[in-house]
């Protein structure tokens, strides 16, 4: 992912996306540079119009999140009740239970 970010940073800065520049960005970010990955990235991006890809990525419509039906809301309440019951069970541990557990550890 860092390699893609480096290429996007270079594109945004108006710099040429080549092996040397990608390596510089990655090294500045403290990333250990893999020469093979850098070469593969630069070769792959030579065939891609980055402006067109970015335009199509940002132009994709995002579907608004619809409100779930009532049934999932009821399930959520049931899950919350179960979680509360589990928490109560955990709180019911006494000091004797805890000390017995520690005694088993230390003999």
PDB file of N, CA and C in Angstrom:
ATOM      1  N   UNK A   1       0.813  -1.173   0.000  1.00  0.00           N
ATOM      2  CA  UNK A   1       0.000   0.000   0.000  1.00  0.00           C
ATOM      3  C   UNK A   1       0.868   1.252   0.000  1.00  0.00           C
ATOM      4  N   UNK A   2       2.004   1.180   0.692  1.00  0.00           N
ATOM      5  CA  UNK A   2       2.891   2.337   0.765  1.00  0.00           C
ATOM      6  C   UNK A   2       3.379   2.737  -0.616  1.00  0.00           C
ATOM      7  N   UNK A   3       3.571   1.749  -1.464  1.00  0.00           N
ATOM      8  CA  UNK A   3       4.086   2.013  -2.803  1.00  0.00           C
ATOM      9  C   UNK A   3       3.057   2.799  -3.629  1.00  0.00           C
ATOM     10  N   UNK A   4       1.805   2.441  -3.489  1.00  0.00           N
ATOM     11  CA  UNK A   4       0.738   3.157  -4.194  1.00  0.00           C
ATOM     12  C   UNK A   4       0.645   4.584  -3.658  1.00  0.00           C
ATOM     13  N   UNK A   5       0.708   4.719  -2.321  1.00  0.00           N
ATOM     14  CA  UNK A   5       0.648   6.045  -1.723  1.00  0.00           C
ATOM     15  C   UNK A   5       1.808   6.915  -2.214  1.00  0.00           C
ATOM     16  N   UNK A   6       2.976   6.320  -2.321  1.00  0.00           N
ATOM     17  CA  UNK A   6       4.142   7.067  -2.795  1.00  0.00           C
ATOM     18  C   UNK A   6       3.918   7.565  -4.220  1.00  0.00           C
ATOM     19  N   UNK A   7       3.357   6.718  -5.055  1.00  0.00           N
ATOM     20  CA  UNK A   7       3.108   7.134  -6.437  1.00  0.00           C
ATOM     21  C   UNK A   7       2.036   8.228  -6.501  1.00  0.00           C
ATOM     22  N   UNK A   8       1.012   8.130  -5.661  1.00  0.00           N
ATOM     23  CA  UNK A   8      -0.016   9.166  -5.627  1.00  0.00           C
ATOM     24  C   UNK A   8       0.547  10.488  -5.106  1.00  0.00           C
ATOM     25  N   UNK A   9       1.429  10.404  -4.138  1.00  0.00           N
ATOM     26  CA  UNK A   9       2.066  11.607  -3.616  1.00  0.00           C
ATOM     27  C   UNK A   9       2.899  12.282  -4.700  1.00  0.00           C
ATOM     28  N   UNK A  10       3.645  11.483  -5.451  1.00  0.00           N
ATOM     29  CA  UNK A  10       4.438  12.036  -6.544  1.00  0.00           C
ATOM     30  C   UNK A  10       3.540  12.668  -7.601  1.00  0.00           C
ATOM     31  N   UNK A  11       2.445  12.015  -7.920  1.00  0.00           N
ATOM     32  CA  UNK A  11       1.512  12.535  -8.912  1.00  0.00           C
ATOM     33  C   UNK A  11       0.935  13.868  -8.447  1.00  0.00           C
ATOM     34  N   UNK A  12       0.528  13.939  -7.190  1.00  0.00           N
ATOM     35  CA  UNK A  12      -0.044  15.159  -6.631  1.00  0.00           C
ATOM     36  C   UNK A  12       0.980  16.288  -6.615  1.00  0.00           C
ATOM     37  N   UNK A  13       2.239  15.947  -6.363  1.00  0.00           N
ATOM     38  CA  UNK A  13       3.306  16.950  -6.314  1.00  0.00           C
ATOM     39  C   UNK A  13       3.768  17.359  -7.710  1.00  0.00           C
ATOM     40  N   UNK A  14       3.270  16.678  -8.725  1.00  0.00           N
ATOM     41  CA  UNK A  14       3.660  17.006 -10.094  1.00  0.00           C
ATOM     42  C   UNK A  14       5.017  16.458 -10.481  1.00  0.00           C
ATOM     43  N   UNK A  15       5.487  15.486  -9.741  1.00  0.00           N
ATOM     44  CA  UNK A  15       6.786  14.854 -10.022  1.00  0.00           C
ATOM     45  C   UNK A  15       6.583  13.621 -10.888  1.00  0.00           C
ATOM     46  N   UNK A  16       7.646  13.254 -11.582  1.00  0.00           N
ATOM     47  CA  UNK A  16       7.594  12.055 -12.419  1.00  0.00           C
ATOM     48  C   UNK A  16       7.603  10.812 -11.528  1.00  0.00           C
ATOM     49  N   UNK A  17       6.778   9.845 -11.902  1.00  0.00           N
ATOM     50  CA  UNK A  17       6.745   8.590 -11.146  1.00  0.00           C
ATOM     51  C   UNK A  17       7.754   7.643 -11.788  1.00  0.00           C
ATOM     52  N   UNK A  18       8.937   7.619 -11.176  1.00  0.00           N
ATOM     53  CA  UNK A  18       9.980   6.707 -11.641  1.00  0.00           C
ATOM     54  C   UNK A  18      10.577   6.006 -10.428  1.00  0.00           C
ATOM     55  N   UNK A  19      11.447   5.048 -10.680  1.00  0.00           N
ATOM     56  CA  UNK A  19      11.992   4.240  -9.591  1.00  0.00           C
ATOM     57  C   UNK A  19      12.718   5.088  -8.554  1.00  0.00           C
ATOM     58  N   UNK A  20      13.506   6.018  -9.008  1.00  0.00           N
ATOM     59  CA  UNK A  20      14.292   6.843  -8.092  1.00  0.00           C
ATOM     60  C   UNK A  20      13.391   7.670  -7.174  1.00  0.00           C
ATOM     61  N   UNK A  21      12.384   8.305  -7.742  1.00  0.00           N
ATOM     62  CA  UNK A  21      11.499   9.146  -6.933  1.00  0.00           C
ATOM     63  C   UNK A  21      10.661   8.322  -5.963  1.00  0.00           C
ATOM     64  N   UNK A  22      10.184   7.176  -6.412  1.00  0.00           N
ATOM     65  CA  UNK A  22       9.400   6.313  -5.526  1.00  0.00           C
ATOM     66  C   UNK A  22      10.270   5.853  -4.355  1.00  0.00           C
ATOM     67  N   UNK A  23      11.518   5.473  -4.644  1.00  0.00           N
ATOM     68  CA  UNK A  23      12.424   5.045  -3.580  1.00  0.00           C
ATOM     69  C   UNK A  23      12.658   6.170  -2.569  1.00  0.00           C
ATOM     70  N   UNK A  24      12.840   7.387  -3.065  1.00  0.00           N
ATOM     71  CA  UNK A  24      13.081   8.524  -2.171  1.00  0.00           C
ATOM     72  C   UNK A  24      11.903   8.755  -1.235  1.00  0.00           C
ATOM     73  N   UNK A  25      10.694   8.684  -1.783  1.00  0.00           N
ATOM     74  CA  UNK A  25       9.499   8.894  -0.960  1.00  0.00           C
ATOM     75  C   UNK A  25       9.387   7.798   0.093  1.00  0.00           C
ATOM     76  N   UNK A  26       9.586   6.562  -0.318  1.00  0.00           N
ATOM     77  CA  UNK A  26       9.480   5.443   0.624  1.00  0.00           C
ATOM     78  C   UNK A  26      10.544   5.538   1.714  1.00  0.00           C
ATOM     79  N   UNK A  27      11.761   5.878   1.339  1.00  0.00           N
ATOM     80  CA  UNK A  27      12.831   6.008   2.329  1.00  0.00           C
ATOM     81  C   UNK A  27      12.544   7.154   3.287  1.00  0.00           C
ATOM     82  N   UNK A  28      12.007   8.250   2.772  1.00  0.00           N
ATOM     83  CA  UNK A  28      11.666   9.385   3.639  1.00  0.00           C
ATOM     84  C   UNK A  28      10.588   9.006   4.646  1.00  0.00           C
ATOM     85  N   UNK A  29       9.721   8.060   4.253  1.00  0.00           N
ATOM     86  CA  UNK A  29       8.653   7.609   5.147  1.00  0.00           C
ATOM     87  C   UNK A  29       9.129   6.513   6.091  1.00  0.00           C
ATOM     88  N   UNK A  30      10.372   6.081   5.933  1.00  0.00           N
ATOM     89  CA  UNK A  30      10.915   5.050   6.812  1.00  0.00           C
ATOM     90  C   UNK A  30      10.525   3.644   6.410  1.00  0.00           C
ATOM     91  N   UNK A  31      10.155   3.465   5.142  1.00  0.00           N
ATOM     92  CA  UNK A  31       9.755   2.146   4.654  1.00  0.00           C
ATOM     93  C   UNK A  31      10.969   1.449   4.055  1.00  0.00           C
ATOM     94  N   UNK A  32      11.121   0.169   4.362  1.00  0.00           N
ATOM     95  CA  UNK A  32      12.192  -0.610   3.760  1.00  0.00           C
ATOM     96  C   UNK A  32      11.818  -0.875   2.304  1.00  0.00           C
ATOM     97  N   UNK A  33      12.650  -0.418   1.386  1.00  0.00           N
ATOM     98  CA  UNK A  33      12.333  -0.447  -0.037  1.00  0.00           C
ATOM     99  C   UNK A  33      12.655  -1.812  -0.629  1.00  0.00           C
ATOM    100  N   UNK A  34      11.682  -2.360  -1.349  1.00  0.00           N
ATOM    101  CA  UNK A  34      11.846  -3.602  -2.084  1.00  0.00           C
ATOM    102  C   UNK A  34      11.984  -3.229  -3.561  1.00  0.00           C
ATOM    103  N   UNK A  35      13.180  -3.417  -4.110  1.00  0.00           N
ATOM    104  CA  UNK A  35      13.485  -3.012  -5.483  1.00  0.00           C
ATOM    105  C   UNK A  35      12.527  -3.629  -6.496  1.00  0.00           C
ATOM    106  N   UNK A  36      12.195  -4.879  -6.300  1.00  0.00           N
ATOM    107  CA  UNK A  36      11.322  -5.577  -7.247  1.00  0.00           C
ATOM    108  C   UNK A  36       9.935  -4.944  -7.263  1.00  0.00           C
ATOM    109  N   UNK A  37       9.419  -4.634  -6.089  1.00  0.00           N
ATOM    110  CA  UNK A  37       8.090  -4.013  -6.010  1.00  0.00           C
ATOM    111  C   UNK A  37       8.087  -2.626  -6.633  1.00  0.00           C
ATOM    112  N   UNK A  38       9.177  -1.884  -6.449  1.00  0.00           N
ATOM    113  CA  UNK A  38       9.271  -0.547  -7.034  1.00  0.00           C
ATOM    114  C   UNK A  38       9.271  -0.652  -8.558  1.00  0.00           C
ATOM    115  N   UNK A  39      10.068  -1.560  -9.090  1.00  0.00           N
ATOM    116  CA  UNK A  39      10.125  -1.730 -10.550  1.00  0.00           C
ATOM    117  C   UNK A  39       8.780  -2.167 -11.101  1.00  0.00           C
ATOM    118  N   UNK A  40       8.126  -3.088 -10.414  1.00  0.00           N
ATOM    119  CA  UNK A  40       6.817  -3.570 -10.875  1.00  0.00           C
ATOM    120  C   UNK A  40       5.783  -2.443 -10.841  1.00  0.00           C
ATOM    121  N   UNK A  41       5.810  -1.632  -9.813  1.00  0.00           N
ATOM    122  CA  UNK A  41       4.872  -0.518  -9.696  1.00  0.00           C
ATOM    123  C   UNK A  41       5.074   0.484 -10.825  1.00  0.00           C
ATOM    124  N   UNK A  42       6.307   0.881 -11.040  1.00  0.00           N
ATOM    125  CA  UNK A  42       6.594   1.869 -12.077  1.00  0.00           C
ATOM    126  C   UNK A  42       6.212   1.323 -13.447  1.00  0.00           C
ATOM    127  N   UNK A  43       6.513   0.052 -13.700  1.00  0.00           N
ATOM    128  CA  UNK A  43       6.155  -0.551 -14.986  1.00  0.00           C
ATOM    129  C   UNK A  43       4.645  -0.621 -15.159  1.00  0.00           C
ATOM    130  N   UNK A  44       3.939  -0.945 -14.104  1.00  0.00           N
ATOM    131  CA  UNK A  44       2.478  -1.062 -14.193  1.00  0.00           C
ATOM    132  C   UNK A  44       1.831   0.307 -14.385  1.00  0.00           C
ATOM    133  N   UNK A  45       2.379   1.326 -13.739  1.00  0.00           N
ATOM    134  CA  UNK A  45       1.779   2.650 -13.825  1.00  0.00           C
ATOM    135  C   UNK A  45       2.062   3.351 -15.153  1.00  0.00           C
ATOM    136  N   UNK A  46       3.051   2.875 -15.893  1.00  0.00           N
ATOM    137  CA  UNK A  46       3.317   3.457 -17.213  1.00  0.00           C
ATOM    138  C   UNK A  46       2.150   3.208 -18.161  1.00  0.00           C
ATOM    139  N   UNK A  47       1.390   2.163 -17.911  1.00  0.00           N
ATOM    140  CA  UNK A  47       0.271   1.794 -18.770  1.00  0.00           C
ATOM    141  C   UNK A  47      -1.055   2.370 -18.273  1.00  0.00           C
ATOM    142  N   UNK A  48      -1.019   3.142 -17.178  1.00  0.00           N
ATOM    143  CA  UNK A  48      -2.252   3.626 -16.560  1.00  0.00           C
ATOM    144  C   UNK A  48      -2.298   5.150 -16.607  1.00  0.00           C
ATOM    145  N   UNK A  49      -3.453   5.681 -16.963  1.00  0.00           N
ATOM    146  CA  UNK A  49      -3.680   7.116 -16.885  1.00  0.00           C
ATOM    147  C   UNK A  49      -4.235   7.398 -15.488  1.00  0.00           C
ATOM    148  N   UNK A  50      -3.364   7.840 -14.598  1.00  0.00           N
ATOM    149  CA  UNK A  50      -3.725   8.005 -13.191  1.00  0.00           C
ATOM    150  C   UNK A  50      -4.848   9.025 -13.027  1.00  0.00           C
ATOM    151  N   UNK A  51      -4.815  10.105 -13.806  1.00  0.00           N
ATOM    152  CA  UNK A  51      -5.872  11.113 -13.702  1.00  0.00           C
ATOM    153  C   UNK A  51      -7.239  10.508 -13.993  1.00  0.00           C
ATOM    154  N   UNK A  52      -7.289   9.662 -14.996  1.00  0.00           N
ATOM    155  CA  UNK A  52      -8.555   9.030 -15.376  1.00  0.00           C
ATOM    156  C   UNK A  52      -9.029   8.074 -14.279  1.00  0.00           C
ATOM    157  N   UNK A  53      -8.107   7.339 -13.709  1.00  0.00           N
ATOM    158  CA  UNK A  53      -8.457   6.392 -12.641  1.00  0.00           C
ATOM    159  C   UNK A  53      -8.963   7.146 -11.414  1.00  0.00           C
ATOM    160  N   UNK A  54      -8.274   8.220 -11.042  1.00  0.00           N
ATOM    161  CA  UNK A  54      -8.709   9.000  -9.884  1.00  0.00           C
ATOM    162  C   UNK A  54     -10.066   9.635 -10.128  1.00  0.00           C
ATOM    163  N   UNK A  55     -10.281  10.104 -11.345  1.00  0.00           N
ATOM    164  CA  UNK A  55     -11.568  10.715 -11.678  1.00  0.00           C
ATOM    165  C   UNK A  55     -12.698   9.698 -11.576  1.00  0.00           C
ATOM    166  N   UNK A  56     -12.466   8.510 -12.093  1.00  0.00           N
ATOM    167  CA  UNK A  56     -13.519   7.492 -12.039  1.00  0.00           C
ATOM    168  C   UNK A  56     -13.732   6.996 -10.611  1.00  0.00           C
ATOM    169  N   UNK A  57     -12.683   6.988  -9.819  1.00  0.00           N
ATOM    170  CA  UNK A  57     -12.819   6.533  -8.426  1.00  0.00           C
ATOM    171  C   UNK A  57     -13.615   7.529  -7.607  1.00  0.00           C
ATOM    172  N   UNK A  58     -13.414   8.805  -7.825  1.00  0.00           N
ATOM    173  CA  UNK A  58     -14.137   9.809  -7.058  1.00  0.00           C
ATOM    174  C   UNK A  58     -15.524  10.064  -7.622  1.00  0.00           C
ATOM    175  N   UNK A  59     -15.745   9.665  -8.875  1.00  0.00           N
ATOM    176  CA  UNK A  59     -17.047   9.902  -9.496  1.00  0.00           C
ATOM    177  C   UNK A  59     -18.047   8.797  -9.198  1.00  0.00           C
ATOM    178  N   UNK A  60     -17.604   7.727  -8.571  1.00  0.00           N
ATOM    179  CA  UNK A  60     -18.501   6.616  -8.265  1.00  0.00           C
ATOM    180  C   UNK A  60     -19.525   7.064  -7.239  1.00  0.00           C
ATOM    181  N   UNK A  61     -20.792   6.860  -7.526  1.00  0.00           N
ATOM    182  CA  UNK A  61     -21.813   7.265  -6.559  1.00  0.00           C
ATOM    183  C   UNK A  61     -21.802   6.334  -5.353  1.00  0.00           C
ATOM    184  N   UNK A  62     -21.946   6.941  -4.220  1.00  0.00           N
ATOM    185  CA  UNK A  62     -22.008   6.162  -2.986  1.00  0.00           C
ATOM    186  C   UNK A  62     -23.469   6.028  -2.600  1.00  0.00           C
ATOM    187  N   UNK A  63     -23.910   4.814  -2.398  1.00  0.00           N
ATOM    188  CA  UNK A  63     -25.289   4.571  -1.999  1.00  0.00           C
ATOM    189  C   UNK A  63     -25.449   4.970  -0.539  1.00  0.00           C
ATOM    190  N   UNK A  64     -26.446   5.770  -0.231  1.00  0.00           N
ATOM    191  CA  UNK A  64     -26.647   6.153   1.171  1.00  0.00           C
ATOM    192  C   UNK A  64     -27.065   4.932   1.989  1.00  0.00           C
ATOM    193  N   UNK A  65     -26.631   4.918   3.198  1.00  0.00           N
ATOM    194  CA  UNK A  65     -26.987   3.813   4.081  1.00  0.00           C
ATOM    195  C   UNK A  65     -28.461   3.926   4.426  1.00  0.00           C
ATOM    196  N   UNK A  66     -29.181   2.856   4.183  1.00  0.00           N
ATOM    197  CA  UNK A  66     -30.605   2.861   4.491  1.00  0.00           C
ATOM    198  C   UNK A  66     -30.818   2.371   5.912  1.00  0.00           C
ATOM    199  N   UNK A  67     -31.908   2.777   6.483  1.00  0.00           N
ATOM    200  CA  UNK A  67     -32.232   2.355   7.837  1.00  0.00           C
ATOM    201  C   UNK A  67     -32.601   0.882   7.822  1.00  0.00           C
ATOM    202  N   UNK A  68     -32.023   0.104   8.714  1.00  0.00           N
ATOM    203  CA  UNK A  68     -32.353  -1.319   8.751  1.00  0.00           C
ATOM    204  C   UNK A  68     -33.784  -1.535   9.229  1.00  0.00           C
ATOM    205  N   UNK A  69     -34.283  -2.682   8.921  1.00  0.00           N
ATOM    206  CA  UNK A  69     -35.646  -3.037   9.331  1.00  0.00           C
ATOM    207  C   UNK A  69     -35.710  -3.180  10.849  1.00  0.00           C
ATOM    208  N   UNK A  70     -36.907  -3.295  11.391  1.00  0.00           N
ATOM    209  CA  UNK A  70     -37.090  -3.370  12.839  1.00  0.00           C
ATOM    210  C   UNK A  70     -36.488  -4.640  13.421  1.00  0.00           C
ATOM    211  N   UNK A  71     -36.488  -5.712  12.678  1.00  0.00           N
ATOM    212  CA  UNK A  71     -35.980  -6.982  13.182  1.00  0.00           C
ATOM    213  C   UNK A  71     -34.512  -6.884  13.594  1.00  0.00           C
ATOM    214  N   UNK A  72     -33.647  -6.298  12.800  1.00  0.00           N
ATOM    215  CA  UNK A  72     -32.258  -6.185  13.253  1.00  0.00           C
ATOM    216  C   UNK A  72     -32.117  -5.346  14.510  1.00  0.00           C
ATOM    217  N   UNK A  73     -32.968  -4.349  14.683  1.00  0.00           N
ATOM    218  CA  UNK A  73     -32.902  -3.531  15.896  1.00  0.00           C
ATOM    219  C   UNK A  73     -33.229  -4.384  17.118  1.00  0.00           C
ATOM    220  N   UNK A  74     -34.201  -5.276  16.968  1.00  0.00           N
ATOM    221  CA  UNK A  74     -34.551  -6.156  18.075  1.00  0.00           C
ATOM    222  C   UNK A  74     -33.402  -7.112  18.372  1.00  0.00           C
ATOM    223  N   UNK A  75     -32.752  -7.596  17.329  1.00  0.00           N
ATOM    224  CA  UNK A  75     -31.622  -8.500  17.530  1.00  0.00           C
ATOM    225  C   UNK A  75     -30.506  -7.776  18.276  1.00  0.00           C
ATOM    226  N   UNK A  76     -30.308  -6.519  17.950  1.00  0.00           N
ATOM    227  CA  UNK A  76     -29.268  -5.748  18.606  1.00  0.00           C
ATOM    228  C   UNK A  76     -29.550  -5.618  20.096  1.00  0.00           C
ATOM    229  N   UNK A  77     -30.830  -5.384  20.450  1.00  0.00           N
ATOM    230  CA  UNK A  77     -31.202  -5.275  21.851  1.00  0.00           C
ATOM    231  C   UNK A  77     -30.942  -6.588  22.583  1.00  0.00           C
ATOM    232  N   UNK A  78     -31.260  -7.700  21.893  1.00  0.00           N
ATOM    233  CA  UNK A  78     -31.032  -9.001  22.506  1.00  0.00           C
ATOM    234  C   UNK A  78     -29.547  -9.235  22.725  1.00  0.00           C
ATOM    235  N   UNK A  79     -28.734  -8.833  21.760  1.00  0.00           N
ATOM    236  CA  UNK A  79     -27.291  -8.991  21.900  1.00  0.00           C
ATOM    237  C   UNK A  79     -26.776  -8.157  23.057  1.00  0.00           C
ATOM    238  N   UNK A  80     -27.296  -6.945  23.208  1.00  0.00           N
ATOM    239  CA  UNK A  80     -26.872  -6.090  24.313  1.00  0.00           C
ATOM    240  C   UNK A  80     -27.229  -6.723  25.646  1.00  0.00           C
ATOM    241  N   UNK A  81     -28.423  -7.325  25.729  1.00  0.00           N
ATOM    242  CA  UNK A  81     -28.833  -7.984  26.972  1.00  0.00           C
ATOM    243  C   UNK A  81     -27.897  -9.135  27.288  1.00  0.00           C
ATOM    244  N   UNK A  82     -27.542  -9.916  26.260  1.00  0.00           N
ATOM    245  CA  UNK A  82     -26.632 -11.039  26.469  1.00  0.00           C
ATOM    246  C   UNK A  82     -25.274 -10.541  26.957  1.00  0.00           C
ATOM    247  N   UNK A  83     -24.791  -9.453  26.358  1.00  0.00           N
ATOM    248  CA  UNK A  83     -23.506  -8.903  26.771  1.00  0.00           C
ATOM    249  C   UNK A  83     -23.555  -8.422  28.214  1.00  0.00           C
ATOM    250  N   UNK A  84     -24.662  -7.788  28.596  1.00  0.00           N
ATOM    251  CA  UNK A  84     -24.807  -7.309  29.963  1.00  0.00           C
ATOM    252  C   UNK A  84     -24.807  -8.486  30.935  1.00  0.00           C
ATOM    253  N   UNK A  85     -25.500  -9.573  30.572  1.00  0.00           N
ATOM    254  CA  UNK A  85     -25.536 -10.747  31.432  1.00  0.00           C
ATOM    255  C   UNK A  85     -24.146 -11.347  31.587  1.00  0.00           C
ATOM    256  N   UNK A  86     -23.386 -11.384  30.500  1.00  0.00           N
ATOM    257  CA  UNK A  86     -22.030 -11.923  30.571  1.00  0.00           C
ATOM    258  C   UNK A  86     -21.159 -11.063  31.477  1.00  0.00           C
ATOM    259  N   UNK A  87     -21.318  -9.748  31.386  1.00  0.00           N
ATOM    260  CA  UNK A  87     -20.544  -8.853  32.232  1.00  0.00           C
ATOM    261  C   UNK A  87     -20.899  -9.061  33.701  1.00  0.00           C
ATOM    262  N   UNK A  88     -22.197  -9.253  33.988  1.00  0.00           N
ATOM    263  CA  UNK A  88     -22.626  -9.484  35.367  1.00  0.00           C
ATOM    264  C   UNK A  88     -22.025 -10.777  35.898  1.00  0.00           C
ATOM    265  N   UNK A  89     -21.969 -11.803  35.056  1.00  0.00           N
ATOM    266  CA  UNK A  89     -21.386 -13.070  35.480  1.00  0.00           C
ATOM    267  C   UNK A  89     -19.912 -12.900  35.809  1.00  0.00           C
ATOM    268  N   UNK A  90     -19.214 -12.092  35.025  1.00  0.00           N
ATOM    269  CA  UNK A  90     -17.800 -11.856  35.282  1.00  0.00           C
ATOM    270  C   UNK A  90     -17.608 -11.105  36.590  1.00  0.00           C
ATOM    271  N   UNK A  91     -18.514 -10.177  36.886  1.00  0.00           N
ATOM    272  CA  UNK A  91     -18.409  -9.392  38.100  1.00  0.00           C
ATOM    273  C   UNK A  91     -18.734 -10.211  39.336  1.00  0.00           C
ATOM    274  N   UNK A  92     -19.429 -11.325  39.177  1.00  0.00           N
ATOM    275  CA  UNK A  92     -19.832 -12.144  40.304  1.00  0.00           C
ATOM    276  C   UNK A  92     -18.671 -12.948  40.894  1.00  0.00           C
ATOM    277  N   UNK A  93     -17.524 -12.929  40.276  1.00  0.00           N
ATOM    278  CA  UNK A  93     -16.377 -13.638  40.822  1.00  0.00           C
ATOM    279  C   UNK A  93     -16.000 -13.016  42.164  1.00  0.00           C
ATOM    280  N   UNK A  94     -15.811 -13.860  43.138  1.00  0.00           N
ATOM    281  CA  UNK A  94     -15.463 -13.370  44.467  1.00  0.00           C
ATOM    282  C   UNK A  94     -13.952 -13.320  44.622  1.00  0.00           C
ATOM    283  N   UNK A  95     -13.536 -12.725  45.736  1.00  0.00           N
ATOM    284  CA  UNK A  95     -12.104 -12.667  46.010  1.00  0.00           C
ATOM    285  C   UNK A  95     -11.548 -14.069  46.248  1.00  0.00           C
ATOM    286  N   UNK A  96     -12.371 -14.944  46.801  1.00  0.00           N
ATOM    287  CA  UNK A  96     -11.939 -16.326  47.031  1.00  0.00           C
ATOM    288  C   UNK A  96     -11.644 -17.013  45.705  1.00  0.00           C
ATOM    289  N   UNK A  97     -12.513 -16.779  44.715  1.00  0.00           N
ATOM    290  CA  UNK A  97     -12.281 -17.366  43.391  1.00  0.00           C
ATOM    291  C   UNK A  97     -10.963 -16.864  42.803  1.00  0.00           C
ATOM    292  N   UNK A  98     -10.733 -15.579  42.951  1.00  0.00           N
ATOM    293  CA  UNK A  98      -9.528 -14.998  42.402  1.00  0.00           C
ATOM    294  C   UNK A  98      -8.283 -15.497  43.119  1.00  0.00           C
ATOM    295  N   UNK A  99      -8.354 -15.567  44.473  1.00  0.00           N
ATOM    296  CA  UNK A  99      -7.196 -16.016  45.208  1.00  0.00           C
ATOM    297  C   UNK A  99      -6.925 -17.505  44.973  1.00  0.00           C
ATOM    298  N   UNK A 100      -7.976 -18.278  44.747  1.00  0.00           N
ATOM    299  CA  UNK A 100      -7.796 -19.697  44.443  1.00  0.00           C
ATOM    300  C   UNK A 100      -7.069 -19.836  43.115  1.00  0.00           C
ATOM    301  N   UNK A 101      -7.416 -18.977  42.169  1.00  0.00           N
ATOM    302  CA  UNK A 101      -6.745 -19.026  40.881  1.00  0.00           C
ATOM    303  C   UNK A 101      -5.286 -18.658  41.009  1.00  0.00           C
ATOM    304  N   UNK A 102      -4.973 -17.669  41.838  1.00  0.00           N
ATOM    305  CA  UNK A 102      -3.589 -17.274  42.038  1.00  0.00           C
ATOM    306  C   UNK A 102      -2.821 -18.360  42.784  1.00  0.00           C
ATOM    307  N   UNK A 103      -3.503 -19.006  43.733  1.00  0.00           N
ATOM    308  CA  UNK A 103      -2.865 -20.093  44.468  1.00  0.00           C
ATOM    309  C   UNK A 103      -2.470 -21.230  43.539  1.00  0.00           C
ATOM    310  N   UNK A 104      -3.298 -21.497  42.551  1.00  0.00           N
ATOM    311  CA  UNK A 104      -2.983 -22.558  41.592  1.00  0.00           C
ATOM    312  C   UNK A 104      -1.764 -22.195  40.771  1.00  0.00           C
ATOM    313  N   UNK A 105      -1.592 -20.931  40.514  1.00  0.00           N
ATOM    314  CA  UNK A 105      -0.450 -20.492  39.723  1.00  0.00           C
ATOM    315  C   UNK A 105       0.854 -20.618  40.478  1.00  0.00           C
ATOM    316  N   UNK A 106       0.801 -20.257  41.780  1.00  0.00           N
ATOM    317  CA  UNK A 106       2.035 -20.192  42.563  1.00  0.00           C
ATOM    318  C   UNK A 106       2.199 -21.354  43.539  1.00  0.00           C
ATOM    319  N   UNK A 107       1.264 -22.298  43.506  1.00  0.00           N
ATOM    320  CA  UNK A 107       1.365 -23.509  44.292  1.00  0.00           C
ATOM    321  C   UNK A 107       1.228 -23.277  45.729  1.00  0.00           C
TER     322      UNK A 107
END
